Amino acid sequence: KEVDLFRHWFPLCDASSTLRRQSNAEACAHFSLCAGLGLPIGRRDAVLHGYGVDALSDGLILVIAKSANAKEFSEIEFPPLQGFGAARMQIHALQVMVQPLSPTAVRCRYV
């Protein structure tokens, strides 16, 4: 549910948005990464389809996602690539375990 805020805290993320929320636990999202600072690295973005698992009773939240295919999600308008050297990443599997540490801190483990 926090995808729209990624751009405020995720390193190098300069844009993020929810494209479609299928349910409280399932969504399609877009994010863009840019090195900036004059580095000659092109912008990368991804459109992901994923699920969130609330396991706070065990002390964590699990996020599972992979790249969304435009043919499978034809009802969603995928954002166009923008910028010099831009390319869309294909993410075959993303698993993130988010563990709350305090009201203002979490630990993220990426698999």
N, C-alpha and C. Protein backbone atom coordinates (compact mmCIF):
# COMPACT_ATOMS: atom_id res chain seq x y z
N LYS A 1 0.81 -1.20 0.00
CA LYS A 1 0.00 0.00 0.00
C LYS A 1 0.85 1.26 0.00
N GLU A 2 2.15 1.11 0.18
CA GLU A 2 3.05 2.26 0.33
C GLU A 2 3.83 2.59 -0.94
N VAL A 3 3.51 1.98 -2.06
CA VAL A 3 4.29 2.17 -3.29
C VAL A 3 4.42 3.65 -3.66
N ASP A 4 3.37 4.41 -3.49
CA ASP A 4 3.42 5.82 -3.87
C ASP A 4 4.46 6.61 -3.07
N LEU A 5 4.90 6.06 -1.93
CA LEU A 5 5.88 6.74 -1.09
C LEU A 5 7.32 6.28 -1.35
N PHE A 6 7.51 5.23 -2.16
CA PHE A 6 8.87 4.72 -2.42
C PHE A 6 9.82 5.84 -2.82
N ARG A 7 9.36 6.75 -3.64
CA ARG A 7 10.25 7.80 -4.16
C ARG A 7 10.82 8.69 -3.05
N HIS A 8 10.19 8.65 -1.88
CA HIS A 8 10.66 9.47 -0.77
C HIS A 8 11.73 8.79 0.08
N TRP A 9 11.84 7.47 0.02
CA TRP A 9 12.78 6.79 0.92
C TRP A 9 13.63 5.72 0.26
N PHE A 10 13.23 5.20 -0.90
CA PHE A 10 14.00 4.12 -1.54
C PHE A 10 15.16 4.74 -2.32
N PRO A 11 16.41 4.32 -2.07
CA PRO A 11 17.57 4.93 -2.75
C PRO A 11 17.45 4.90 -4.27
N LEU A 12 17.72 6.03 -4.90
CA LEU A 12 17.73 6.24 -6.35
C LEU A 12 16.35 6.23 -7.00
N CYS A 13 15.28 5.99 -6.24
CA CYS A 13 13.93 5.97 -6.81
C CYS A 13 13.45 7.41 -6.97
N ASP A 14 13.13 7.78 -8.21
CA ASP A 14 12.67 9.15 -8.45
C ASP A 14 11.20 9.23 -8.83
N ALA A 15 10.53 8.08 -9.00
CA ALA A 15 9.09 8.07 -9.30
C ALA A 15 8.52 6.72 -8.88
N SER A 16 7.32 6.74 -8.33
CA SER A 16 6.64 5.50 -7.95
C SER A 16 5.14 5.75 -7.88
N SER A 17 4.38 4.75 -8.30
CA SER A 17 2.93 4.89 -8.26
C SER A 17 2.24 3.54 -8.32
N THR A 18 1.05 3.49 -7.74
CA THR A 18 0.21 2.31 -7.85
C THR A 18 -0.59 2.44 -9.14
N LEU A 19 -0.49 1.46 -10.01
CA LEU A 19 -1.22 1.50 -11.28
C LEU A 19 -2.62 0.90 -11.13
N ARG A 20 -2.72 -0.14 -10.31
CA ARG A 20 -4.03 -0.76 -10.05
C ARG A 20 -3.94 -1.57 -8.77
N ARG A 21 -4.93 -1.40 -7.93
CA ARG A 21 -5.02 -2.19 -6.70
C ARG A 21 -6.13 -3.21 -6.91
N GLN A 22 -5.76 -4.48 -6.99
CA GLN A 22 -6.75 -5.53 -7.19
C GLN A 22 -7.47 -5.89 -5.89
N SER A 23 -6.76 -5.81 -4.77
CA SER A 23 -7.34 -6.11 -3.46
C SER A 23 -6.45 -5.47 -2.39
N ASN A 24 -6.76 -5.70 -1.13
CA ASN A 24 -5.91 -5.17 -0.07
C ASN A 24 -4.52 -5.77 -0.09
N ALA A 25 -4.37 -6.95 -0.69
CA ALA A 25 -3.09 -7.64 -0.69
C ALA A 25 -2.42 -7.73 -2.05
N GLU A 26 -3.09 -7.30 -3.12
CA GLU A 26 -2.57 -7.47 -4.49
C GLU A 26 -2.63 -6.15 -5.25
N ALA A 27 -1.55 -5.85 -5.99
CA ALA A 27 -1.51 -4.60 -6.75
C ALA A 27 -0.52 -4.68 -7.90
N CYS A 28 -0.68 -3.76 -8.85
CA CYS A 28 0.31 -3.51 -9.91
C CYS A 28 0.88 -2.13 -9.64
N ALA A 29 2.20 -2.01 -9.73
CA ALA A 29 2.86 -0.76 -9.40
C ALA A 29 3.97 -0.46 -10.39
N HIS A 30 4.35 0.81 -10.44
CA HIS A 30 5.44 1.27 -11.30
C HIS A 30 6.43 2.04 -10.45
N PHE A 31 7.72 1.83 -10.73
CA PHE A 31 8.74 2.67 -10.10
C PHE A 31 9.87 2.88 -11.08
N SER A 32 10.59 3.98 -10.88
CA SER A 32 11.68 4.37 -11.76
C SER A 32 12.91 4.68 -10.92
N LEU A 33 14.08 4.23 -11.40
CA LEU A 33 15.35 4.48 -10.73
C LEU A 33 16.24 5.31 -11.62
N CYS A 34 16.92 6.28 -11.03
CA CYS A 34 17.83 7.14 -11.79
C CYS A 34 19.01 7.49 -10.90
N ALA A 35 20.22 7.24 -11.39
CA ALA A 35 21.42 7.51 -10.59
C ALA A 35 21.61 9.00 -10.34
N GLY A 36 21.26 9.83 -11.32
CA GLY A 36 21.42 11.28 -11.16
C GLY A 36 22.88 11.66 -10.96
N LEU A 37 23.10 12.78 -10.35
CA LEU A 37 24.45 13.28 -10.04
C LEU A 37 25.38 13.30 -11.25
N GLY A 38 24.84 13.39 -12.44
CA GLY A 38 25.66 13.47 -13.64
C GLY A 38 26.29 12.14 -14.06
N LEU A 39 25.89 11.05 -13.41
CA LEU A 39 26.45 9.74 -13.78
C LEU A 39 25.87 9.27 -15.11
N PRO A 40 26.69 8.67 -15.97
CA PRO A 40 26.22 8.25 -17.29
C PRO A 40 25.51 6.89 -17.25
N ILE A 41 24.53 6.79 -16.38
CA ILE A 41 23.75 5.56 -16.25
C ILE A 41 22.32 5.89 -16.61
N GLY A 42 21.75 5.15 -17.57
CA GLY A 42 20.38 5.43 -18.01
C GLY A 42 19.35 5.07 -16.95
N ARG A 43 18.21 5.68 -17.08
CA ARG A 43 17.08 5.44 -16.18
C ARG A 43 16.55 4.02 -16.39
N ARG A 44 16.17 3.39 -15.30
CA ARG A 44 15.57 2.06 -15.33
C ARG A 44 14.23 2.14 -14.62
N ASP A 45 13.25 1.42 -15.16
CA ASP A 45 11.97 1.36 -14.46
C ASP A 45 11.44 -0.06 -14.52
N ALA A 46 10.37 -0.31 -13.78
CA ALA A 46 9.73 -1.62 -13.75
C ALA A 46 8.26 -1.45 -13.44
N VAL A 47 7.46 -2.33 -14.01
CA VAL A 47 6.05 -2.45 -13.66
C VAL A 47 5.92 -3.82 -13.01
N LEU A 48 5.49 -3.84 -11.77
CA LEU A 48 5.43 -5.07 -10.99
C LEU A 48 4.01 -5.46 -10.63
N HIS A 49 3.77 -6.75 -10.59
CA HIS A 49 2.53 -7.30 -10.05
C HIS A 49 2.92 -8.07 -8.81
N GLY A 50 2.29 -7.74 -7.67
CA GLY A 50 2.72 -8.39 -6.45
C GLY A 50 1.64 -8.54 -5.40
N TYR A 51 2.04 -9.25 -4.37
CA TYR A 51 1.18 -9.54 -3.24
C TYR A 51 1.90 -9.16 -1.95
N GLY A 52 1.15 -8.74 -0.97
CA GLY A 52 1.69 -8.50 0.36
C GLY A 52 1.07 -9.49 1.33
N VAL A 53 1.89 -10.03 2.22
CA VAL A 53 1.43 -11.00 3.21
C VAL A 53 1.63 -10.40 4.59
N ASP A 54 0.55 -10.20 5.31
CA ASP A 54 0.62 -9.65 6.66
C ASP A 54 0.90 -10.80 7.63
N ALA A 55 2.13 -10.87 8.07
CA ALA A 55 2.54 -11.87 9.05
C ALA A 55 3.07 -11.16 10.30
N LEU A 56 2.45 -10.03 10.65
CA LEU A 56 2.91 -9.26 11.80
C LEU A 56 2.82 -10.05 13.10
N SER A 57 1.95 -11.05 13.13
CA SER A 57 1.90 -11.90 14.32
C SER A 57 3.22 -12.65 14.51
N ASP A 58 3.96 -12.82 13.41
CA ASP A 58 5.30 -13.42 13.45
C ASP A 58 6.39 -12.35 13.35
N GLY A 59 5.98 -11.06 13.33
CA GLY A 59 6.94 -9.97 13.34
C GLY A 59 7.41 -9.50 11.99
N LEU A 60 6.67 -9.80 10.89
CA LEU A 60 7.13 -9.35 9.58
C LEU A 60 5.99 -9.21 8.58
N ILE A 61 6.31 -8.54 7.51
CA ILE A 61 5.44 -8.43 6.33
C ILE A 61 6.27 -8.95 5.17
N LEU A 62 5.67 -9.75 4.31
CA LEU A 62 6.37 -10.30 3.16
C LEU A 62 5.75 -9.73 1.88
N VAL A 63 6.59 -9.27 0.97
CA VAL A 63 6.14 -8.77 -0.32
C VAL A 63 6.74 -9.67 -1.39
N ILE A 64 5.89 -10.19 -2.28
CA ILE A 64 6.31 -11.08 -3.35
C ILE A 64 5.82 -10.46 -4.66
N ALA A 65 6.73 -10.29 -5.63
CA ALA A 65 6.34 -9.64 -6.89
C ALA A 65 7.21 -10.14 -8.05
N LYS A 66 6.75 -9.83 -9.25
CA LYS A 66 7.52 -10.04 -10.48
C LYS A 66 7.02 -9.05 -11.51
N SER A 67 7.77 -8.91 -12.59
CA SER A 67 7.37 -7.96 -13.63
C SER A 67 6.01 -8.32 -14.19
N ALA A 68 5.20 -7.30 -14.40
CA ALA A 68 3.89 -7.47 -15.01
C ALA A 68 4.06 -7.46 -16.52
N ASN A 69 3.32 -8.32 -17.18
CA ASN A 69 3.34 -8.42 -18.64
C ASN A 69 2.20 -7.58 -19.20
N ALA A 70 2.50 -6.69 -20.13
CA ALA A 70 1.48 -5.79 -20.69
C ALA A 70 0.34 -6.57 -21.35
N LYS A 71 0.62 -7.75 -21.90
CA LYS A 71 -0.43 -8.56 -22.53
C LYS A 71 -1.39 -9.14 -21.48
N GLU A 72 -0.84 -9.55 -20.34
CA GLU A 72 -1.67 -10.11 -19.27
C GLU A 72 -2.48 -9.04 -18.54
N PHE A 73 -1.96 -7.82 -18.53
CA PHE A 73 -2.62 -6.71 -17.84
C PHE A 73 -2.98 -5.62 -18.85
N SER A 74 -3.70 -5.99 -19.88
CA SER A 74 -4.01 -5.07 -20.98
C SER A 74 -4.89 -3.90 -20.54
N GLU A 75 -5.59 -4.04 -19.41
CA GLU A 75 -6.45 -2.96 -18.93
C GLU A 75 -5.67 -1.87 -18.21
N ILE A 76 -4.37 -2.10 -17.98
CA ILE A 76 -3.53 -1.12 -17.31
C ILE A 76 -2.67 -0.40 -18.34
N GLU A 77 -2.62 0.92 -18.24
CA GLU A 77 -1.76 1.71 -19.12
C GLU A 77 -0.36 1.75 -18.51
N PHE A 78 0.58 1.06 -19.16
CA PHE A 78 1.96 1.05 -18.67
C PHE A 78 2.61 2.39 -18.99
N PRO A 79 3.30 3.00 -18.04
CA PRO A 79 3.95 4.28 -18.30
C PRO A 79 5.00 4.14 -19.41
N PRO A 80 5.13 5.14 -20.27
CA PRO A 80 6.16 5.08 -21.32
C PRO A 80 7.55 5.26 -20.71
N LEU A 81 8.54 4.70 -21.39
CA LEU A 81 9.93 4.91 -20.97
C LEU A 81 10.29 6.37 -21.22
N GLN A 82 11.03 6.97 -20.30
CA GLN A 82 11.41 8.37 -20.44
C GLN A 82 12.87 8.56 -20.09
N GLY A 83 13.54 9.39 -20.85
CA GLY A 83 14.92 9.75 -20.53
C GLY A 83 15.95 9.02 -21.37
N PHE A 84 17.14 9.58 -21.39
CA PHE A 84 18.25 9.03 -22.16
C PHE A 84 18.61 7.64 -21.63
N GLY A 85 18.73 6.67 -22.53
CA GLY A 85 19.14 5.33 -22.16
C GLY A 85 18.15 4.57 -21.30
N ALA A 86 16.90 4.99 -21.30
CA ALA A 86 15.89 4.35 -20.46
C ALA A 86 15.61 2.92 -20.92
N ALA A 87 15.37 2.05 -19.95
CA ALA A 87 15.04 0.66 -20.25
C ALA A 87 14.16 0.11 -19.13
N ARG A 88 13.28 -0.80 -19.51
CA ARG A 88 12.39 -1.43 -18.52
C ARG A 88 13.04 -2.72 -18.02
N MET A 89 13.16 -2.83 -16.71
CA MET A 89 13.74 -4.03 -16.11
C MET A 89 12.72 -5.16 -16.12
N GLN A 90 13.21 -6.36 -16.32
CA GLN A 90 12.37 -7.56 -16.19
C GLN A 90 12.78 -8.25 -14.90
N ILE A 91 11.90 -8.24 -13.93
CA ILE A 91 12.18 -8.82 -12.62
C ILE A 91 11.44 -10.14 -12.55
N HIS A 92 12.20 -11.22 -12.51
CA HIS A 92 11.60 -12.56 -12.52
C HIS A 92 11.06 -12.97 -11.16
N ALA A 93 11.67 -12.49 -10.10
CA ALA A 93 11.19 -12.79 -8.75
C ALA A 93 11.75 -11.75 -7.79
N LEU A 94 10.88 -11.19 -6.98
CA LEU A 94 11.28 -10.24 -5.95
C LEU A 94 10.60 -10.67 -4.66
N GLN A 95 11.39 -10.84 -3.63
CA GLN A 95 10.85 -11.19 -2.32
C GLN A 95 11.49 -10.26 -1.30
N VAL A 96 10.66 -9.56 -0.57
CA VAL A 96 11.15 -8.61 0.43
C VAL A 96 10.48 -8.93 1.76
N MET A 97 11.30 -9.11 2.78
CA MET A 97 10.80 -9.30 4.12
C MET A 97 11.00 -7.99 4.88
N VAL A 98 9.91 -7.43 5.38
CA VAL A 98 9.95 -6.16 6.10
C VAL A 98 9.67 -6.46 7.57
N GLN A 99 10.62 -6.11 8.42
CA GLN A 99 10.50 -6.38 9.84
C GLN A 99 10.47 -5.06 10.61
N PRO A 100 9.34 -4.70 11.20
CA PRO A 100 9.29 -3.47 12.00
C PRO A 100 10.23 -3.59 13.20
N LEU A 101 11.04 -2.54 13.41
CA LEU A 101 11.96 -2.50 14.54
C LEU A 101 11.49 -1.55 15.63
N SER A 102 10.83 -0.48 15.20
CA SER A 102 10.28 0.52 16.12
C SER A 102 9.21 1.29 15.34
N PRO A 103 8.54 2.24 15.96
CA PRO A 103 7.53 3.02 15.21
C PRO A 103 8.11 3.81 14.03
N THR A 104 9.42 4.03 14.01
CA THR A 104 10.02 4.83 12.93
C THR A 104 11.12 4.09 12.16
N ALA A 105 11.26 2.78 12.36
CA ALA A 105 12.34 2.05 11.68
C ALA A 105 11.91 0.64 11.32
N VAL A 106 12.38 0.18 10.16
CA VAL A 106 12.15 -1.20 9.72
C VAL A 106 13.45 -1.77 9.17
N ARG A 107 13.52 -3.07 9.11
CA ARG A 107 14.63 -3.76 8.45
C ARG A 107 14.04 -4.44 7.23
N CYS A 108 14.64 -4.21 6.05
CA CYS A 108 14.20 -4.85 4.82
C CYS A 108 15.26 -5.86 4.39
N ARG A 109 14.82 -7.05 4.08
CA ARG A 109 15.70 -8.08 3.56
C ARG A 109 15.19 -8.47 2.19
N TYR A 110 16.05 -8.32 1.19
CA TYR A 110 15.69 -8.62 -0.19
C TYR A 110 16.28 -9.97 -0.58
N VAL A 111 15.45 -10.80 -1.21
CA VAL A 111 15.91 -12.11 -1.63
C VAL A 111 15.98 -12.14 -3.14
